[in-house]
Amino acid sequence: GATLSELKSGAGGVFADGNEDEAD
């Protein structure tokens, strides 16, 4: 269940690198 929640959250999860603004 915890793994499913992390997968559902997408790029905003634990492994987000914070470079989303540059791509946008």
mmCIF file of all heavy atoms, coordinates in Angstrom:
data_MODEL
# 
_entry.id   MODEL 
# 
loop_
_atom_site.group_PDB 
_atom_site.id 
_atom_site.type_symbol 
_atom_site.label_atom_id 
_atom_site.label_alt_id 
_atom_site.label_comp_id 
_atom_site.label_asym_id 
_atom_site.label_entity_id 
_atom_site.label_seq_id 
_atom_site.pdbx_PDB_ins_code 
_atom_site.Cartn_x 
_atom_site.Cartn_y 
_atom_site.Cartn_z 
_atom_site.occupancy 
_atom_site.B_iso_or_equiv 
_atom_site.pdbx_formal_charge 
_atom_site.auth_seq_id 
_atom_site.auth_comp_id 
_atom_site.auth_asym_id 
_atom_site.auth_atom_id 
_atom_site.pdbx_PDB_model_num 
ATOM 1   N N   . GLY A 1 1  ? 0.808  -1.214 0.000   1.00 0.00 ? 1  GLY A N   1 
ATOM 2   C CA  . GLY A 1 1  ? 0.000  0.000  0.000   1.00 0.00 ? 1  GLY A CA  1 
ATOM 3   C C   . GLY A 1 1  ? 0.839  1.260  0.000   1.00 0.00 ? 1  GLY A C   1 
ATOM 4   O O   . GLY A 1 1  ? 0.541  2.221  -0.716  1.00 0.00 ? 1  GLY A O   1 
ATOM 5   N N   . ALA A 1 2  ? 1.916  1.276  0.780   1.00 0.00 ? 2  ALA A N   1 
ATOM 6   C CA  . ALA A 1 2  ? 2.801  2.444  0.808   1.00 0.00 ? 2  ALA A CA  1 
ATOM 7   C C   . ALA A 1 2  ? 3.512  2.611  -0.524  1.00 0.00 ? 2  ALA A C   1 
ATOM 8   O O   . ALA A 1 2  ? 3.683  3.737  -1.014  1.00 0.00 ? 2  ALA A O   1 
ATOM 9   C CB  . ALA A 1 2  ? 3.801  2.306  1.941   1.00 0.00 ? 2  ALA A CB  1 
ATOM 10  N N   . THR A 1 3  ? 3.907  1.501  -1.136  1.00 0.00 ? 3  THR A N   1 
ATOM 11  C CA  . THR A 1 3  ? 4.555  1.564  -2.445  1.00 0.00 ? 3  THR A CA  1 
ATOM 12  C C   . THR A 1 3  ? 3.586  2.073  -3.493  1.00 0.00 ? 3  THR A C   1 
ATOM 13  O O   . THR A 1 3  ? 3.943  2.903  -4.338  1.00 0.00 ? 3  THR A O   1 
ATOM 14  C CB  . THR A 1 3  ? 5.084  0.175  -2.840  1.00 0.00 ? 3  THR A CB  1 
ATOM 15  O OG1 . THR A 1 3  ? 5.981  -0.271 -1.826  1.00 0.00 ? 3  THR A OG1 1 
ATOM 16  C CG2 . THR A 1 3  ? 5.787  0.213  -4.173  1.00 0.00 ? 3  THR A CG2 1 
ATOM 17  N N   . LEU A 1 4  ? 2.362  1.610  -3.461  1.00 0.00 ? 4  LEU A N   1 
ATOM 18  C CA  . LEU A 1 4  ? 1.343  2.082  -4.391  1.00 0.00 ? 4  LEU A CA  1 
ATOM 19  C C   . LEU A 1 4  ? 1.110  3.577  -4.241  1.00 0.00 ? 4  LEU A C   1 
ATOM 20  O O   . LEU A 1 4  ? 0.983  4.298  -5.227  1.00 0.00 ? 4  LEU A O   1 
ATOM 21  C CB  . LEU A 1 4  ? 0.032  1.319  -4.170  1.00 0.00 ? 4  LEU A CB  1 
ATOM 22  C CG  . LEU A 1 4  ? -1.141 1.725  -5.048  1.00 0.00 ? 4  LEU A CG  1 
ATOM 23  C CD1 . LEU A 1 4  ? -0.845 1.379  -6.503  1.00 0.00 ? 4  LEU A CD1 1 
ATOM 24  C CD2 . LEU A 1 4  ? -2.400 1.043  -4.581  1.00 0.00 ? 4  LEU A CD2 1 
ATOM 25  N N   . SER A 1 5  ? 1.098  4.050  -3.025  1.00 0.00 ? 5  SER A N   1 
ATOM 26  C CA  . SER A 1 5  ? 0.917  5.476  -2.783  1.00 0.00 ? 5  SER A CA  1 
ATOM 27  C C   . SER A 1 5  ? 2.059  6.280  -3.375  1.00 0.00 ? 5  SER A C   1 
ATOM 28  O O   . SER A 1 5  ? 1.845  7.349  -3.947  1.00 0.00 ? 5  SER A O   1 
ATOM 29  C CB  . SER A 1 5  ? 0.810  5.740  -1.282  1.00 0.00 ? 5  SER A CB  1 
ATOM 30  O OG  . SER A 1 5  ? 0.779  7.126  -1.033  1.00 0.00 ? 5  SER A OG  1 
ATOM 31  N N   . GLU A 1 6  ? 3.290  5.790  -3.236  1.00 0.00 ? 6  GLU A N   1 
ATOM 32  C CA  . GLU A 1 6  ? 4.448  6.494  -3.803  1.00 0.00 ? 6  GLU A CA  1 
ATOM 33  C C   . GLU A 1 6  ? 4.374  6.508  -5.326  1.00 0.00 ? 6  GLU A C   1 
ATOM 34  O O   . GLU A 1 6  ? 4.690  7.510  -5.955  1.00 0.00 ? 6  GLU A O   1 
ATOM 35  C CB  . GLU A 1 6  ? 5.752  5.844  -3.356  1.00 0.00 ? 6  GLU A CB  1 
ATOM 36  C CG  . GLU A 1 6  ? 6.144  6.184  -1.961  1.00 0.00 ? 6  GLU A CG  1 
ATOM 37  C CD  . GLU A 1 6  ? 6.422  7.662  -1.776  1.00 0.00 ? 6  GLU A CD  1 
ATOM 38  O OE1 . GLU A 1 6  ? 7.064  8.285  -2.644  1.00 0.00 ? 6  GLU A OE1 1 
ATOM 39  O OE2 . GLU A 1 6  ? 5.961  8.195  -0.762  1.00 0.00 ? 6  GLU A OE2 1 
ATOM 40  N N   . LEU A 1 7  ? 3.970  5.404  -5.925  1.00 0.00 ? 7  LEU A N   1 
ATOM 41  C CA  . LEU A 1 7  ? 3.850  5.358  -7.380  1.00 0.00 ? 7  LEU A CA  1 
ATOM 42  C C   . LEU A 1 7  ? 2.740  6.277  -7.868  1.00 0.00 ? 7  LEU A C   1 
ATOM 43  O O   . LEU A 1 7  ? 2.861  6.904  -8.920  1.00 0.00 ? 7  LEU A O   1 
ATOM 44  C CB  . LEU A 1 7  ? 3.593  3.929  -7.842  1.00 0.00 ? 7  LEU A CB  1 
ATOM 45  C CG  . LEU A 1 7  ? 4.743  2.954  -7.640  1.00 0.00 ? 7  LEU A CG  1 
ATOM 46  C CD1 . LEU A 1 7  ? 4.313  1.551  -8.032  1.00 0.00 ? 7  LEU A CD1 1 
ATOM 47  C CD2 . LEU A 1 7  ? 5.953  3.384  -8.447  1.00 0.00 ? 7  LEU A CD2 1 
ATOM 48  N N   . LYS A 1 8  ? 1.680  6.363  -7.101  1.00 0.00 ? 8  LYS A N   1 
ATOM 49  C CA  . LYS A 1 8  ? 0.550  7.207  -7.480  1.00 0.00 ? 8  LYS A CA  1 
ATOM 50  C C   . LYS A 1 8  ? 0.905  8.684  -7.416  1.00 0.00 ? 8  LYS A C   1 
ATOM 51  O O   . LYS A 1 8  ? 0.422  9.479  -8.208  1.00 0.00 ? 8  LYS A O   1 
ATOM 52  C CB  . LYS A 1 8  ? -0.623 6.919  -6.548  1.00 0.00 ? 8  LYS A CB  1 
ATOM 53  C CG  . LYS A 1 8  ? -1.861 7.691  -6.905  1.00 0.00 ? 8  LYS A CG  1 
ATOM 54  C CD  . LYS A 1 8  ? -2.984 7.389  -5.953  1.00 0.00 ? 8  LYS A CD  1 
ATOM 55  C CE  . LYS A 1 8  ? -4.138 8.307  -6.270  1.00 0.00 ? 8  LYS A CE  1 
ATOM 56  N NZ  . LYS A 1 8  ? -4.983 8.529  -5.145  1.00 0.00 ? 8  LYS A NZ  1 
ATOM 57  N N   . SER A 1 9  ? 1.792  9.042  -6.483  1.00 0.00 ? 9  SER A N   1 
ATOM 58  C CA  . SER A 1 9  ? 2.134  10.453 -6.335  1.00 0.00 ? 9  SER A CA  1 
ATOM 59  C C   . SER A 1 9  ? 2.990  10.954 -7.483  1.00 0.00 ? 9  SER A C   1 
ATOM 60  O O   . SER A 1 9  ? 3.124  12.152 -7.669  1.00 0.00 ? 9  SER A O   1 
ATOM 61  C CB  . SER A 1 9  ? 2.835  10.692 -4.997  1.00 0.00 ? 9  SER A CB  1 
ATOM 62  O OG  . SER A 1 9  ? 4.093  10.062 -4.986  1.00 0.00 ? 9  SER A OG  1 
ATOM 63  N N   . GLY A 1 10 ? 3.587  10.079 -8.265  1.00 0.00 ? 10 GLY A N   1 
ATOM 64  C CA  . GLY A 1 10 ? 4.334  10.476 -9.448  1.00 0.00 ? 10 GLY A CA  1 
ATOM 65  C C   . GLY A 1 10 ? 5.651  11.148 -9.129  1.00 0.00 ? 10 GLY A C   1 
ATOM 66  O O   . GLY A 1 10 ? 6.332  10.789 -8.176  1.00 0.00 ? 10 GLY A O   1 
ATOM 67  N N   . ALA A 1 11 ? 6.007  12.150 -9.937  1.00 0.00 ? 11 ALA A N   1 
ATOM 68  C CA  . ALA A 1 11 ? 7.307  12.810 -9.819  1.00 0.00 ? 11 ALA A CA  1 
ATOM 69  C C   . ALA A 1 11 ? 7.416  13.645 -8.554  1.00 0.00 ? 11 ALA A C   1 
ATOM 70  O O   . ALA A 1 11 ? 8.502  14.025 -8.159  1.00 0.00 ? 11 ALA A O   1 
ATOM 71  C CB  . ALA A 1 11 ? 7.560  13.680 -11.029 1.00 0.00 ? 11 ALA A CB  1 
ATOM 72  N N   . GLY A 1 12 ? 6.319  13.942 -7.899  1.00 0.00 ? 12 GLY A N   1 
ATOM 73  C CA  . GLY A 1 12 ? 6.373  14.719 -6.672  1.00 0.00 ? 12 GLY A CA  1 
ATOM 74  C C   . GLY A 1 12 ? 6.688  13.880 -5.462  1.00 0.00 ? 12 GLY A C   1 
ATOM 75  O O   . GLY A 1 12 ? 6.663  14.357 -4.349  1.00 0.00 ? 12 GLY A O   1 
ATOM 76  N N   . GLY A 1 13 ? 7.012  12.616 -5.668  1.00 0.00 ? 13 GLY A N   1 
ATOM 77  C CA  . GLY A 1 13 ? 7.286  11.704 -4.566  1.00 0.00 ? 13 GLY A CA  1 
ATOM 78  C C   . GLY A 1 13 ? 8.668  11.884 -3.985  1.00 0.00 ? 13 GLY A C   1 
ATOM 79  O O   . GLY A 1 13 ? 9.299  12.930 -4.094  1.00 0.00 ? 13 GLY A O   1 
ATOM 80  N N   . VAL A 1 14 ? 9.181  10.856 -3.395  1.00 0.00 ? 14 VAL A N   1 
ATOM 81  C CA  . VAL A 1 14 ? 10.453 10.888 -2.688  1.00 0.00 ? 14 VAL A CA  1 
ATOM 82  C C   . VAL A 1 14 ? 11.620 11.210 -3.620  1.00 0.00 ? 14 VAL A C   1 
ATOM 83  O O   . VAL A 1 14 ? 12.548 11.910 -3.258  1.00 0.00 ? 14 VAL A O   1 
ATOM 84  C CB  . VAL A 1 14 ? 10.697 9.531  -1.985  1.00 0.00 ? 14 VAL A CB  1 
ATOM 85  C CG1 . VAL A 1 14 ? 12.081 9.475  -1.371  1.00 0.00 ? 14 VAL A CG1 1 
ATOM 86  C CG2 . VAL A 1 14 ? 9.637  9.303  -0.936  1.00 0.00 ? 14 VAL A CG2 1 
ATOM 87  N N   . PHE A 1 15 ? 11.585 10.744 -4.854  1.00 0.00 ? 15 PHE A N   1 
ATOM 88  C CA  . PHE A 1 15 ? 12.717 10.860 -5.750  1.00 0.00 ? 15 PHE A CA  1 
ATOM 89  C C   . PHE A 1 15 ? 12.642 12.067 -6.679  1.00 0.00 ? 15 PHE A C   1 
ATOM 90  O O   . PHE A 1 15 ? 13.345 12.113 -7.686  1.00 0.00 ? 15 PHE A O   1 
ATOM 91  C CB  . PHE A 1 15 ? 12.853 9.583  -6.586  1.00 0.00 ? 15 PHE A CB  1 
ATOM 92  C CG  . PHE A 1 15 ? 13.041 8.372  -5.733  1.00 0.00 ? 15 PHE A CG  1 
ATOM 93  C CD1 . PHE A 1 15 ? 12.039 7.432  -5.607  1.00 0.00 ? 15 PHE A CD1 1 
ATOM 94  C CD2 . PHE A 1 15 ? 14.207 8.185  -5.026  1.00 0.00 ? 15 PHE A CD2 1 
ATOM 95  C CE1 . PHE A 1 15 ? 12.205 6.320  -4.810  1.00 0.00 ? 15 PHE A CE1 1 
ATOM 96  C CE2 . PHE A 1 15 ? 14.386 7.077  -4.222  1.00 0.00 ? 15 PHE A CE2 1 
ATOM 97  C CZ  . PHE A 1 15 ? 13.382 6.142  -4.112  1.00 0.00 ? 15 PHE A CZ  1 
ATOM 98  N N   . ALA A 1 16 ? 11.822 13.042 -6.378  1.00 0.00 ? 16 ALA A N   1 
ATOM 99  C CA  . ALA A 1 16 ? 11.743 14.242 -7.210  1.00 0.00 ? 16 ALA A CA  1 
ATOM 100 C C   . ALA A 1 16 ? 13.056 15.010 -7.107  1.00 0.00 ? 16 ALA A C   1 
ATOM 101 O O   . ALA A 1 16 ? 13.618 15.174 -6.044  1.00 0.00 ? 16 ALA A O   1 
ATOM 102 C CB  . ALA A 1 16 ? 10.584 15.116 -6.753  1.00 0.00 ? 16 ALA A CB  1 
ATOM 103 N N   . ASP A 1 17 ? 13.540 15.511 -8.255  1.00 0.00 ? 17 ASP A N   1 
ATOM 104 C CA  . ASP A 1 17 ? 14.826 16.197 -8.247  1.00 0.00 ? 17 ASP A CA  1 
ATOM 105 C C   . ASP A 1 17 ? 14.684 17.716 -8.166  1.00 0.00 ? 17 ASP A C   1 
ATOM 106 O O   . ASP A 1 17 ? 15.673 18.420 -8.028  1.00 0.00 ? 17 ASP A O   1 
ATOM 107 C CB  . ASP A 1 17 ? 15.652 15.811 -9.476  1.00 0.00 ? 17 ASP A CB  1 
ATOM 108 C CG  . ASP A 1 17 ? 14.951 16.141 -10.777 1.00 0.00 ? 17 ASP A CG  1 
ATOM 109 O OD1 . ASP A 1 17 ? 13.825 16.646 -10.744 1.00 0.00 ? 17 ASP A OD1 1 
ATOM 110 O OD2 . ASP A 1 17 ? 15.558 15.892 -11.841 1.00 0.00 ? 17 ASP A OD2 1 
ATOM 111 N N   . GLY A 1 18 ? 13.507 18.238 -8.304  1.00 0.00 ? 18 GLY A N   1 
ATOM 112 C CA  . GLY A 1 18 ? 13.299 19.672 -8.150  1.00 0.00 ? 18 GLY A CA  1 
ATOM 113 C C   . GLY A 1 18 ? 13.557 20.466 -9.410  1.00 0.00 ? 18 GLY A C   1 
ATOM 114 O O   . GLY A 1 18 ? 13.498 21.686 -9.400  1.00 0.00 ? 18 GLY A O   1 
ATOM 115 N N   . ASN A 1 19 ? 13.832 19.850 -10.542 1.00 0.00 ? 19 ASN A N   1 
ATOM 116 C CA  . ASN A 1 19 ? 14.094 20.558 -11.787 1.00 0.00 ? 19 ASN A CA  1 
ATOM 117 C C   . ASN A 1 19 ? 12.862 20.647 -12.673 1.00 0.00 ? 19 ASN A C   1 
ATOM 118 O O   . ASN A 1 19 ? 12.982 20.841 -13.863 1.00 0.00 ? 19 ASN A O   1 
ATOM 119 C CB  . ASN A 1 19 ? 15.225 19.867 -12.558 1.00 0.00 ? 19 ASN A CB  1 
ATOM 120 C CG  . ASN A 1 19 ? 16.548 20.008 -11.861 1.00 0.00 ? 19 ASN A CG  1 
ATOM 121 O OD1 . ASN A 1 19 ? 16.762 20.986 -11.146 1.00 0.00 ? 19 ASN A OD1 1 
ATOM 122 N ND2 . ASN A 1 19 ? 17.431 19.053 -12.075 1.00 0.00 ? 19 ASN A ND2 1 
ATOM 123 N N   . GLU A 1 20 ? 11.706 20.511 -12.102 1.00 0.00 ? 20 GLU A N   1 
ATOM 124 C CA  . GLU A 1 20 ? 10.479 20.538 -12.890 1.00 0.00 ? 20 GLU A CA  1 
ATOM 125 C C   . GLU A 1 20 ? 10.218 21.915 -13.483 1.00 0.00 ? 20 GLU A C   1 
ATOM 126 O O   . GLU A 1 20 ? 9.683  22.042 -14.558 1.00 0.00 ? 20 GLU A O   1 
ATOM 127 C CB  . GLU A 1 20 ? 9.291  20.113 -12.031 1.00 0.00 ? 20 GLU A CB  1 
ATOM 128 C CG  . GLU A 1 20 ? 9.391  18.681 -11.568 1.00 0.00 ? 20 GLU A CG  1 
ATOM 129 C CD  . GLU A 1 20 ? 8.278  18.326 -10.605 1.00 0.00 ? 20 GLU A CD  1 
ATOM 130 O OE1 . GLU A 1 20 ? 7.414  19.170 -10.357 1.00 0.00 ? 20 GLU A OE1 1 
ATOM 131 O OE2 . GLU A 1 20 ? 8.289  17.207 -10.099 1.00 0.00 ? 20 GLU A OE2 1 
ATOM 132 N N   . ASP A 1 21 ? 10.615 22.989 -12.796 1.00 0.00 ? 21 ASP A N   1 
ATOM 133 C CA  . ASP A 1 21 ? 10.368 24.339 -13.287 1.00 0.00 ? 21 ASP A CA  1 
ATOM 134 C C   . ASP A 1 21 ? 11.126 24.615 -14.574 1.00 0.00 ? 21 ASP A C   1 
ATOM 135 O O   . ASP A 1 21 ? 10.633 25.285 -15.466 1.00 0.00 ? 21 ASP A O   1 
ATOM 136 C CB  . ASP A 1 21 ? 10.761 25.373 -12.221 1.00 0.00 ? 21 ASP A CB  1 
ATOM 137 C CG  . ASP A 1 21 ? 9.875  25.289 -10.992 1.00 0.00 ? 21 ASP A CG  1 
ATOM 138 O OD1 . ASP A 1 21 ? 8.736  24.800 -11.137 1.00 0.00 ? 21 ASP A OD1 1 
ATOM 139 O OD2 . ASP A 1 21 ? 10.315 25.709 -9.911  1.00 0.00 ? 21 ASP A OD2 1 
ATOM 140 N N   . GLU A 1 22 ? 12.346 24.089 -14.700 1.00 0.00 ? 22 GLU A N   1 
ATOM 141 C CA  . GLU A 1 22 ? 13.134 24.302 -15.901 1.00 0.00 ? 22 GLU A CA  1 
ATOM 142 C C   . GLU A 1 22 ? 12.476 23.651 -17.110 1.00 0.00 ? 22 GLU A C   1 
ATOM 143 O O   . GLU A 1 22 ? 12.434 24.222 -18.183 1.00 0.00 ? 22 GLU A O   1 
ATOM 144 C CB  . GLU A 1 22 ? 14.540 23.750 -15.705 1.00 0.00 ? 22 GLU A CB  1 
ATOM 145 C CG  . GLU A 1 22 ? 15.334 24.505 -14.655 1.00 0.00 ? 22 GLU A CG  1 
ATOM 146 C CD  . GLU A 1 22 ? 16.676 23.853 -14.385 1.00 0.00 ? 22 GLU A CD  1 
ATOM 147 O OE1 . GLU A 1 22 ? 17.022 22.873 -15.086 1.00 0.00 ? 22 GLU A OE1 1 
ATOM 148 O OE2 . GLU A 1 22 ? 17.369 24.319 -13.469 1.00 0.00 ? 22 GLU A OE2 1 
ATOM 149 N N   . ALA A 1 23 ? 11.967 22.452 -16.949 1.00 0.00 ? 23 ALA A N   1 
ATOM 150 C CA  . ALA A 1 23 ? 11.317 21.764 -18.062 1.00 0.00 ? 23 ALA A CA  1 
ATOM 151 C C   . ALA A 1 23 ? 10.035 22.471 -18.460 1.00 0.00 ? 23 ALA A C   1 
ATOM 152 O O   . ALA A 1 23 ? 9.731  22.590 -19.637 1.00 0.00 ? 23 ALA A O   1 
ATOM 153 C CB  . ALA A 1 23 ? 11.019 20.310 -17.698 1.00 0.00 ? 23 ALA A CB  1 
ATOM 154 N N   . ASP A 1 24 ? 9.273  22.958 -17.504 1.00 0.00 ? 24 ASP A N   1 
ATOM 155 C CA  . ASP A 1 24 ? 8.047  23.661 -17.823 1.00 0.00 ? 24 ASP A CA  1 
ATOM 156 C C   . ASP A 1 24 ? 8.328  24.958 -18.565 1.00 0.00 ? 24 ASP A C   1 
ATOM 157 O O   . ASP A 1 24 ? 7.604  25.338 -19.469 1.00 0.00 ? 24 ASP A O   1 
ATOM 158 C CB  . ASP A 1 24 ? 7.242  23.961 -16.548 1.00 0.00 ? 24 ASP A CB  1 
ATOM 159 C CG  . ASP A 1 24 ? 6.668  22.694 -15.926 1.00 0.00 ? 24 ASP A CG  1 
ATOM 160 O OD1 . ASP A 1 24 ? 6.549  21.698 -16.673 1.00 0.00 ? 24 ASP A OD1 1 
ATOM 161 O OD2 . ASP A 1 24 ? 6.356  22.716 -14.728 1.00 0.00 ? 24 ASP A OD2 1 
# 
